C-alpha atoms as a PDB file:
ATOM      1  CA  MET A   1      -0.803  -0.974 -19.069  1.00  0.00           C
ATOM      2  CA  LYS A   2      -0.247  -2.086 -15.459  1.00  0.00           C
ATOM      3  CA  ALA A   3       1.980   0.935 -14.860  1.00  0.00           C
ATOM      4  CA  ALA A   4      -0.746   3.268 -16.117  1.00  0.00           C
ATOM      5  CA  LEU A   5      -3.333   1.613 -13.862  1.00  0.00           C
ATOM      6  CA  SER A   6      -0.988   1.816 -10.881  1.00  0.00           C
ATOM      7  CA  LEU A   7      -0.303   5.469 -11.568  1.00  0.00           C
ATOM      8  CA  GLY A   8      -4.036   6.116 -11.835  1.00  0.00           C
ATOM      9  CA  LEU A   9      -4.624   4.428  -8.491  1.00  0.00           C
ATOM     10  CA  VAL A  10      -1.866   6.486  -6.844  1.00  0.00           C
ATOM     11  CA  VAL A  11      -3.386   9.690  -8.221  1.00  0.00           C
ATOM     12  CA  MET A  12      -6.831   8.599  -7.045  1.00  0.00           C
ATOM     13  CA  LEU A  13      -5.600   7.746  -3.568  1.00  0.00           C
ATOM     14  CA  SER A  14      -3.509  10.911  -3.294  1.00  0.00           C
ATOM     15  CA  ALA A  15      -6.710  12.902  -3.807  1.00  0.00           C
ATOM     16  CA  CYS A  16      -7.889  11.483  -0.484  1.00  0.00           C
ATOM     17  CA  VAL A  17      -5.062  13.118   1.464  1.00  0.00           C
ATOM     18  CA  GLY A  18      -7.160  16.162   2.290  1.00  0.00           C
ATOM     19  CA  THR A  19      -9.920  14.037   3.775  1.00  0.00           C
ATOM     20  CA  SER A  20      -9.814  12.169   7.023  1.00  0.00           C
ATOM     21  CA  THR A  21      -8.755   8.558   6.579  1.00  0.00           C
ATOM     22  CA  THR A  22      -9.266   5.672   8.910  1.00  0.00           C
ATOM     23  CA  PRO A  23      -5.994   3.827   9.357  1.00  0.00           C
ATOM     24  CA  THR A  24      -6.192   0.062   9.188  1.00  0.00           C
ATOM     25  CA  SER A  25      -5.859  -1.419  12.645  1.00  0.00           C
ATOM     26  CA  ARG A  26      -3.210  -4.068  13.114  1.00  0.00           C
ATOM     27  CA  ASP A  27      -5.922  -6.536  14.138  1.00  0.00           C
ATOM     28  CA  ALA A  28      -7.728  -6.064  10.803  1.00  0.00           C
ATOM     29  CA  VAL A  29      -4.679  -7.053   8.741  1.00  0.00           C
ATOM     30  CA  PRO A  30      -3.805 -10.759   8.343  1.00  0.00           C
ATOM     31  CA  ALA A  31      -0.586 -11.868  10.069  1.00  0.00           C
ATOM     32  CA  ALA A  32       0.784 -13.074   6.714  1.00  0.00           C
ATOM     33  CA  VAL A  33       0.649  -9.471   5.481  1.00  0.00           C
ATOM     34  CA  TRP A  34       2.546  -8.103   8.506  1.00  0.00           C
ATOM     35  CA  GLU A  35       5.256 -10.727   7.995  1.00  0.00           C
ATOM     36  CA  ARG A  36       5.961  -9.357   4.499  1.00  0.00           C
ATOM     37  CA  VAL A  37       6.068  -5.654   5.415  1.00  0.00           C
ATOM     38  CA  PRO A  38       9.631  -4.293   5.806  1.00  0.00           C
ATOM     39  CA  ALA A  39      10.412  -2.821   9.217  1.00  0.00           C
ATOM     40  CA  SER A  40      11.286   0.543   7.622  1.00  0.00           C
ATOM     41  CA  THR A  41       7.731   1.080   6.338  1.00  0.00           C
ATOM     42  CA  PRO A  42       5.828   3.679   8.396  1.00  0.00           C
ATOM     43  CA  LEU A  43       2.554   1.986   9.262  1.00  0.00           C
ATOM     44  CA  GLU A  44       0.769   4.630  11.316  1.00  0.00           C
ATOM     45  CA  GLU A  45      -1.460   5.437   8.342  1.00  0.00           C
ATOM     46  CA  LEU A  46      -2.116   2.242   6.401  1.00  0.00           C
ATOM     47  CA  LEU A  47      -5.103   1.301   4.303  1.00  0.00           C
ATOM     48  CA  GLN A  48      -6.144  -1.469   1.966  1.00  0.00           C
ATOM     49  CA  GLY A  49      -7.042  -0.182  -1.481  1.00  0.00           C
ATOM     50  CA  PRO A  50      -9.825  -1.443  -3.724  1.00  0.00           C
ATOM     51  CA  ASP A  51      -7.242  -3.601  -5.506  1.00  0.00           C
ATOM     52  CA  GLY A  52      -6.608  -5.554  -2.274  1.00  0.00           C
ATOM     53  CA  CYS A  53      -3.108  -4.087  -1.882  1.00  0.00           C
ATOM     54  CA  PHE A  54      -1.949  -2.057   1.109  1.00  0.00           C
ATOM     55  CA  TRP A  55      -0.867   1.576   0.912  1.00  0.00           C
ATOM     56  CA  TYR A  56       0.793   3.879   3.449  1.00  0.00           C
ATOM     57  CA  LEU A  57       0.812   7.645   3.690  1.00  0.00           C
ATOM     58  CA  ARG A  58       4.268   9.105   3.014  1.00  0.00           C
ATOM     59  CA  HIS A  59       4.845  12.643   4.205  1.00  0.00           C
ATOM     60  CA  GLY A  60       7.502  14.173   1.955  1.00  0.00           C
ATOM     61  CA  PRO A  61       9.004  17.666   2.000  1.00  0.00           C
ATOM     62  CA  LEU A  62       6.731  18.891  -0.813  1.00  0.00           C
ATOM     63  CA  GLU A  63       3.767  16.563  -0.849  1.00  0.00           C
ATOM     64  CA  THR A  64       1.966  13.832   1.022  1.00  0.00           C
ATOM     65  CA  VAL A  65       1.088  10.807  -1.110  1.00  0.00           C
ATOM     66  CA  TRP A  66      -0.218   7.276  -0.757  1.00  0.00           C
ATOM     67  CA  VAL A  67       2.520   4.774  -1.636  1.00  0.00           C
ATOM     68  CA  PRO A  68       2.103   1.025  -2.142  1.00  0.00           C
ATOM     69  CA  VAL A  69       3.547  -1.163   0.612  1.00  0.00           C
ATOM     70  CA  ARG A  70       6.158  -3.429  -0.981  1.00  0.00           C
ATOM     71  CA  ASP A  71       8.032  -6.352   0.500  1.00  0.00           C
ATOM     72  CA  VAL A  72      11.832  -6.659   0.447  1.00  0.00           C
ATOM     73  CA  GLU A  73      11.616  -8.084  -3.083  1.00  0.00           C
ATOM     74  CA  THR A  74       9.600  -4.996  -4.205  1.00  0.00           C
ATOM     75  CA  ILE A  75       6.415  -7.044  -4.688  1.00  0.00           C
ATOM     76  CA  PRO A  76       3.232  -5.183  -3.598  1.00  0.00           C
ATOM     77  CA  VAL A  77       1.818  -6.482  -0.319  1.00  0.00           C
ATOM     78  CA  CYS A  78      -1.780  -7.532  -1.012  1.00  0.00           C
ATOM     79  CA  ASP A  79      -4.494  -9.670   0.530  1.00  0.00           C
ATOM     80  CA  PRO A  80      -5.027 -12.030  -1.170  1.00  0.00           C
ATOM     81  CA  PRO A  81      -1.368 -12.180  -2.243  1.00  0.00           C
ATOM     82  CA  ARG A  82      -0.539 -11.561  -5.876  1.00  0.00           C
ATOM     83  CA  PRO A  83       1.524 -14.145  -7.770  1.00  0.00           C
ATOM     84  CA  ARG A  84       5.233 -13.423  -7.871  1.00  0.00           C
ATOM     85  CA  PRO A  85       6.710 -12.744 -11.354  1.00  0.00           C
ATOM     86  CA  GLU A  86       8.512 -16.111 -11.365  1.00  0.00           C
ATOM     87  CA  ASP A  87       5.188 -17.873 -10.638  1.00  0.00           C
ATOM     88  CA  VAL A  88       3.440 -16.439 -13.715  1.00  0.00           C
END
């Protein structure tokens, strides 16, 4: 069920690619979020989705899509933070 919802959100957000988006400024994102974002994540175009999680725009060879920002443990980076699987 969660996978279907996540896929739906990705499809919804990818529909926004043709429109102008306002990237999230670094000042608008809590420091705790920046600490969890891997250095390899391109953050020029970052936004916070309605689910509270952050997404970045990935420009691939065939398509441009919104992808969830994940920490080094592959947990989505959200504000407020989501519980880790071992905490549930």
